């Protein structure tokens, strides 16, 4: 499927790290896998390499993710939870805002894993 994206024409220059905005279509592969292709120029504007952690905002709802590279294209997933949260589905055209996610990512595991093994 050919993916097209449009950066708004009157979008002001953005400092590295964003936020940057663009218009695109939610891609769908199979029954449930969905994602967004991110144009090369947007990745360049973020200025944090090819797989940066990002905050994705669609329809006023923001979630954290990481850019992936698949088949030479930059992609970010849109999980079922995030599709429900943002009210989008595969094939929908959306305005997207991306910003570098500079906050620490911390995961708390179950108690039996966190305590030292005797």
N, C-alpha and C. Protein backbone atom coordinates (compact mmCIF):
# COMPACT_ATOMS: atom_id res chain seq x y z
N UNK A 1 0.84 -1.17 0.00
CA UNK A 1 0.00 0.00 0.00
C UNK A 1 0.88 1.23 0.00
N UNK A 2 0.60 2.14 -0.90
CA UNK A 2 1.35 3.40 -0.98
C UNK A 2 0.88 4.32 0.12
N UNK A 3 1.79 4.81 0.92
CA UNK A 3 1.47 5.70 2.04
C UNK A 3 1.80 7.12 1.64
N UNK A 4 0.85 8.01 1.86
CA UNK A 4 1.12 9.41 1.59
C UNK A 4 0.94 10.21 2.86
N UNK A 5 1.79 11.17 3.06
CA UNK A 5 1.68 12.05 4.22
C UNK A 5 1.84 13.48 3.75
N UNK A 6 1.23 14.37 4.47
CA UNK A 6 1.32 15.78 4.13
C UNK A 6 1.69 16.56 5.37
N UNK A 7 2.73 17.36 5.27
CA UNK A 7 3.08 18.28 6.34
C UNK A 7 2.34 19.58 6.05
N UNK A 8 1.62 20.13 7.04
CA UNK A 8 0.91 21.37 6.79
C UNK A 8 1.83 22.43 6.22
N UNK A 9 1.36 23.15 5.17
CA UNK A 9 2.20 24.12 4.46
C UNK A 9 2.63 25.27 5.33
N UNK A 10 1.80 25.73 6.21
CA UNK A 10 2.14 26.89 7.02
C UNK A 10 2.72 26.52 8.38
N UNK A 11 3.18 25.29 8.50
CA UNK A 11 3.76 24.82 9.75
C UNK A 11 5.07 25.57 10.00
N UNK A 12 5.22 26.25 11.14
CA UNK A 12 6.46 26.96 11.41
C UNK A 12 7.62 26.00 11.62
N UNK A 13 8.82 26.49 11.42
CA UNK A 13 10.01 25.68 11.69
C UNK A 13 9.98 25.26 13.15
N UNK A 14 10.36 24.03 13.40
CA UNK A 14 10.29 23.47 14.74
C UNK A 14 11.68 23.19 15.27
N UNK A 15 11.89 23.48 16.54
CA UNK A 15 13.17 23.15 17.16
C UNK A 15 13.30 21.63 17.22
N UNK A 16 14.54 21.15 17.23
CA UNK A 16 14.75 19.71 17.33
C UNK A 16 14.01 19.16 18.53
N UNK A 17 13.40 18.00 18.34
CA UNK A 17 12.65 17.37 19.41
C UNK A 17 11.16 17.58 19.29
N UNK A 18 10.76 18.53 18.44
CA UNK A 18 9.34 18.72 18.18
C UNK A 18 8.72 19.76 19.05
N UNK A 19 7.43 19.83 19.11
CA UNK A 19 6.53 18.93 18.39
C UNK A 19 6.48 19.22 16.90
N UNK A 20 6.22 18.17 16.12
CA UNK A 20 6.04 18.30 14.68
C UNK A 20 4.69 17.68 14.33
N UNK A 21 4.03 18.26 13.33
CA UNK A 21 2.70 17.80 12.94
C UNK A 21 2.71 17.36 11.49
N UNK A 22 1.88 16.35 11.18
CA UNK A 22 1.70 15.92 9.81
C UNK A 22 0.36 15.21 9.68
N UNK A 23 -0.11 15.09 8.45
CA UNK A 23 -1.38 14.45 8.14
C UNK A 23 -1.08 13.13 7.45
N UNK A 24 -1.75 12.06 7.86
CA UNK A 24 -1.47 10.75 7.29
C UNK A 24 -2.68 9.84 7.42
N UNK A 25 -2.52 8.61 6.98
CA UNK A 25 -3.57 7.61 7.07
C UNK A 25 -3.10 6.50 8.02
N UNK A 26 -4.02 6.00 8.85
CA UNK A 26 -3.70 4.87 9.73
C UNK A 26 -3.61 3.62 8.83
N UNK A 27 -2.44 3.02 8.80
CA UNK A 27 -2.23 1.81 8.00
C UNK A 27 -2.78 0.60 8.74
N UNK A 28 -3.27 -0.37 8.00
CA UNK A 28 -3.73 -1.61 8.62
C UNK A 28 -3.15 -2.78 7.86
N UNK A 29 -2.59 -3.74 8.61
CA UNK A 29 -2.05 -4.96 8.03
C UNK A 29 -2.76 -6.12 8.72
N UNK A 30 -3.35 -7.00 7.96
CA UNK A 30 -4.10 -8.09 8.57
C UNK A 30 -5.37 -7.54 9.22
N UNK A 31 -5.85 -8.27 10.24
CA UNK A 31 -7.11 -7.87 10.88
C UNK A 31 -6.95 -6.77 11.91
N UNK A 32 -5.83 -6.76 12.65
CA UNK A 32 -5.75 -5.84 13.79
C UNK A 32 -4.49 -4.99 13.85
N UNK A 33 -3.45 -5.30 13.11
CA UNK A 33 -2.20 -4.54 13.21
C UNK A 33 -2.34 -3.19 12.52
N UNK A 34 -2.15 -2.12 13.28
CA UNK A 34 -2.27 -0.78 12.70
C UNK A 34 -1.06 0.05 13.10
N UNK A 35 -0.77 1.04 12.26
CA UNK A 35 0.35 1.92 12.55
C UNK A 35 0.33 3.14 11.66
N UNK A 36 1.31 3.99 11.87
CA UNK A 36 1.45 5.24 11.14
C UNK A 36 2.85 5.27 10.55
N UNK A 37 2.93 5.56 9.24
CA UNK A 37 4.24 5.77 8.63
C UNK A 37 4.64 7.22 8.87
N UNK A 38 5.88 7.40 9.34
CA UNK A 38 6.39 8.74 9.64
C UNK A 38 7.34 9.15 8.52
N UNK A 39 7.08 10.29 7.89
CA UNK A 39 7.96 10.74 6.80
C UNK A 39 9.40 10.96 7.28
N UNK A 40 10.34 10.71 6.40
CA UNK A 40 11.76 10.89 6.72
C UNK A 40 12.04 12.29 7.27
N UNK A 41 11.42 13.31 6.68
CA UNK A 41 11.71 14.68 7.13
C UNK A 41 11.24 14.94 8.56
N UNK A 42 10.22 14.22 9.00
CA UNK A 42 9.74 14.36 10.38
C UNK A 42 10.77 13.74 11.33
N UNK A 43 11.30 12.58 10.96
CA UNK A 43 12.34 11.94 11.78
C UNK A 43 13.55 12.86 11.88
N UNK A 44 13.93 13.49 10.76
CA UNK A 44 15.06 14.42 10.76
C UNK A 44 14.79 15.61 11.68
N UNK A 45 13.58 16.14 11.65
CA UNK A 45 13.24 17.28 12.51
C UNK A 45 13.32 16.91 13.99
N UNK A 46 12.97 15.66 14.32
CA UNK A 46 13.06 15.24 15.73
C UNK A 46 14.52 15.22 16.19
N UNK A 47 15.44 14.89 15.29
CA UNK A 47 16.87 14.98 15.57
C UNK A 47 17.39 14.04 16.64
N UNK A 48 16.81 12.84 16.73
CA UNK A 48 17.24 11.90 17.78
C UNK A 48 17.49 10.50 17.24
N UNK A 49 17.93 10.41 16.01
CA UNK A 49 18.24 9.10 15.44
C UNK A 49 17.03 8.49 14.75
N UNK A 50 17.20 7.22 14.36
CA UNK A 50 16.17 6.54 13.58
C UNK A 50 15.11 5.85 14.40
N UNK A 51 15.34 5.64 15.68
CA UNK A 51 14.36 4.93 16.52
C UNK A 51 14.11 5.68 17.83
N UNK A 52 13.68 6.93 17.75
CA UNK A 52 13.52 7.71 18.98
C UNK A 52 12.26 7.35 19.77
N UNK A 53 12.32 7.51 21.08
CA UNK A 53 11.09 7.42 21.88
C UNK A 53 10.27 8.68 21.62
N UNK A 54 8.96 8.52 21.43
CA UNK A 54 8.12 9.66 21.07
C UNK A 54 6.83 9.68 21.87
N UNK A 55 6.22 10.85 21.90
CA UNK A 55 4.85 11.03 22.38
C UNK A 55 4.03 11.30 21.12
N UNK A 56 3.02 10.47 20.91
CA UNK A 56 2.16 10.55 19.74
C UNK A 56 0.83 11.16 20.18
N UNK A 57 0.37 12.21 19.49
CA UNK A 57 -0.92 12.80 19.80
C UNK A 57 -1.82 12.73 18.57
N UNK A 58 -2.97 12.09 18.77
CA UNK A 58 -4.00 11.96 17.73
C UNK A 58 -5.33 12.34 18.38
N UNK A 59 -6.07 13.22 17.74
CA UNK A 59 -7.39 13.64 18.26
C UNK A 59 -7.32 14.09 19.72
N UNK A 60 -6.24 14.78 20.06
CA UNK A 60 -6.11 15.33 21.41
C UNK A 60 -5.69 14.34 22.47
N UNK A 61 -5.47 13.09 22.10
CA UNK A 61 -5.06 12.05 23.04
C UNK A 61 -3.60 11.69 22.78
N UNK A 62 -2.81 11.60 23.84
CA UNK A 62 -1.37 11.34 23.71
C UNK A 62 -1.00 10.00 24.33
N UNK A 63 -0.11 9.29 23.64
CA UNK A 63 0.44 8.05 24.19
C UNK A 63 1.92 7.98 23.86
N UNK A 64 2.63 7.17 24.62
CA UNK A 64 4.08 7.00 24.43
C UNK A 64 4.35 5.80 23.54
N UNK A 65 5.38 5.93 22.70
CA UNK A 65 5.77 4.83 21.82
C UNK A 65 7.22 5.02 21.40
N UNK A 66 7.69 4.14 20.56
CA UNK A 66 9.04 4.24 20.00
C UNK A 66 8.94 4.00 18.51
N UNK A 67 9.62 4.80 17.73
CA UNK A 67 9.63 4.64 16.28
C UNK A 67 10.37 3.34 15.94
N UNK A 68 9.82 2.59 15.01
CA UNK A 68 10.45 1.37 14.52
C UNK A 68 10.79 1.58 13.05
N UNK A 69 11.76 0.81 12.56
CA UNK A 69 12.11 0.85 11.15
C UNK A 69 11.78 -0.53 10.57
N UNK A 70 10.88 -0.54 9.59
CA UNK A 70 10.49 -1.80 8.94
C UNK A 70 10.46 -1.58 7.43
N UNK A 71 11.19 -2.40 6.71
CA UNK A 71 11.22 -2.26 5.26
C UNK A 71 11.73 -0.91 4.80
N UNK A 72 12.62 -0.31 5.60
CA UNK A 72 13.18 0.99 5.25
C UNK A 72 12.26 2.17 5.54
N UNK A 73 11.12 1.90 6.20
CA UNK A 73 10.18 2.97 6.53
C UNK A 73 10.11 3.15 8.03
N UNK A 74 9.87 4.39 8.45
CA UNK A 74 9.72 4.70 9.86
C UNK A 74 8.25 4.55 10.24
N UNK A 75 7.98 3.75 11.28
CA UNK A 75 6.61 3.46 11.68
C UNK A 75 6.45 3.58 13.18
N UNK A 76 5.24 3.89 13.61
CA UNK A 76 4.89 3.83 15.02
C UNK A 76 3.54 3.11 15.09
N UNK A 77 3.43 2.17 16.00
CA UNK A 77 2.21 1.39 16.13
C UNK A 77 1.08 2.17 16.78
N UNK A 78 -0.14 1.73 16.49
CA UNK A 78 -1.33 2.26 17.15
C UNK A 78 -2.09 1.04 17.67
N UNK A 79 -1.89 0.73 18.95
CA UNK A 79 -2.49 -0.46 19.55
C UNK A 79 -4.01 -0.35 19.62
N UNK A 80 -4.67 -1.48 19.89
CA UNK A 80 -6.13 -1.47 20.06
C UNK A 80 -6.53 -0.50 21.16
N UNK A 81 -5.76 -0.49 22.25
CA UNK A 81 -6.05 0.43 23.36
C UNK A 81 -5.95 1.88 22.88
N UNK A 82 -4.91 2.19 22.11
CA UNK A 82 -4.73 3.57 21.63
C UNK A 82 -5.72 3.93 20.52
N UNK A 83 -6.14 2.96 19.72
CA UNK A 83 -7.19 3.23 18.73
C UNK A 83 -8.49 3.60 19.45
N UNK A 84 -8.82 2.87 20.50
CA UNK A 84 -10.03 3.17 21.26
C UNK A 84 -9.92 4.54 21.93
N UNK A 85 -8.76 4.82 22.50
CA UNK A 85 -8.52 6.09 23.21
C UNK A 85 -8.63 7.29 22.26
N UNK A 86 -8.12 7.13 21.03
CA UNK A 86 -8.09 8.24 20.08
C UNK A 86 -9.28 8.24 19.12
N UNK A 87 -10.06 7.15 19.12
CA UNK A 87 -11.23 7.08 18.25
C UNK A 87 -10.90 6.89 16.79
N UNK A 88 -9.81 6.17 16.47
CA UNK A 88 -9.43 5.95 15.08
C UNK A 88 -9.44 4.47 14.73
N UNK A 89 -9.43 4.20 13.44
CA UNK A 89 -9.38 2.83 12.93
C UNK A 89 -8.48 2.80 11.70
N UNK A 90 -8.08 1.59 11.30
CA UNK A 90 -7.29 1.45 10.09
C UNK A 90 -7.99 2.10 8.91
N UNK A 91 -7.26 2.85 8.10
CA UNK A 91 -7.81 3.53 6.94
C UNK A 91 -8.21 4.97 7.20
N UNK A 92 -8.34 5.37 8.47
CA UNK A 92 -8.72 6.74 8.79
C UNK A 92 -7.59 7.72 8.47
N UNK A 93 -7.94 8.90 7.98
CA UNK A 93 -6.96 9.97 7.80
C UNK A 93 -6.95 10.79 9.08
N UNK A 94 -5.75 11.10 9.57
CA UNK A 94 -5.61 11.79 10.85
C UNK A 94 -4.50 12.83 10.81
N UNK A 95 -4.62 13.80 11.70
CA UNK A 95 -3.53 14.73 11.96
C UNK A 95 -2.78 14.17 13.16
N UNK A 96 -1.47 14.10 13.04
CA UNK A 96 -0.61 13.51 14.08
C UNK A 96 0.39 14.56 14.56
N UNK A 97 0.62 14.57 15.85
CA UNK A 97 1.70 15.40 16.41
C UNK A 97 2.67 14.45 17.09
N UNK A 98 3.95 14.59 16.77
CA UNK A 98 5.01 13.79 17.40
C UNK A 98 5.94 14.72 18.16
N UNK A 99 6.39 14.25 19.29
CA UNK A 99 7.37 14.98 20.08
C UNK A 99 8.29 13.95 20.72
N UNK A 100 9.58 14.30 20.83
CA UNK A 100 10.49 13.39 21.53
C UNK A 100 10.00 13.17 22.94
N UNK A 101 10.10 11.93 23.40
CA UNK A 101 9.73 11.59 24.77
C UNK A 101 11.01 11.51 25.58
N UNK A 102 11.28 12.54 26.34
CA UNK A 102 12.54 12.61 27.09
C UNK A 102 12.39 12.16 28.54
N UNK A 103 11.17 11.78 28.94
CA UNK A 103 10.95 11.31 30.31
C UNK A 103 11.48 9.89 30.46
N UNK A 104 11.99 9.56 31.65
CA UNK A 104 12.48 8.20 31.86
C UNK A 104 11.35 7.18 31.69
N UNK A 105 11.71 6.03 31.20
CA UNK A 105 10.74 4.93 31.06
C UNK A 105 11.06 3.91 32.13
N UNK A 106 10.12 3.77 33.04
CA UNK A 106 10.32 2.86 34.16
C UNK A 106 9.22 1.81 34.17
N UNK A 107 9.62 0.59 34.44
CA UNK A 107 8.67 -0.52 34.52
C UNK A 107 8.82 -1.15 35.90
N UNK A 108 7.70 -1.35 36.56
CA UNK A 108 7.72 -2.00 37.86
C UNK A 108 7.21 -3.42 37.67
N UNK A 109 8.07 -4.39 37.98
CA UNK A 109 7.69 -5.79 37.84
C UNK A 109 6.95 -6.30 39.06
N UNK A 110 6.48 -7.54 38.98
CA UNK A 110 5.80 -8.14 40.12
C UNK A 110 6.73 -8.24 41.32
N UNK A 111 6.16 -8.24 42.51
CA UNK A 111 6.92 -8.27 43.77
C UNK A 111 7.91 -9.43 43.79
N UNK A 112 7.50 -10.62 43.35
CA UNK A 112 8.39 -11.78 43.43
C UNK A 112 9.62 -11.64 42.53
N UNK A 113 9.57 -10.76 41.57
CA UNK A 113 10.74 -10.52 40.71
C UNK A 113 11.60 -9.40 41.28
N UNK A 114 10.98 -8.43 41.95
CA UNK A 114 11.71 -7.26 42.45
C UNK A 114 12.55 -7.57 43.69
N UNK A 115 12.15 -8.52 44.49
CA UNK A 115 12.91 -8.80 45.71
C UNK A 115 14.11 -9.70 45.39
N UNK A 116 15.18 -9.57 46.14
CA UNK A 116 16.39 -10.38 45.88
C UNK A 116 16.13 -11.87 46.07
N UNK A 117 16.81 -12.65 45.27
CA UNK A 117 16.70 -14.11 45.39
C UNK A 117 17.69 -14.56 46.47
N UNK A 118 17.20 -15.35 47.44
CA UNK A 118 18.11 -15.79 48.54
C UNK A 118 19.19 -16.74 48.08
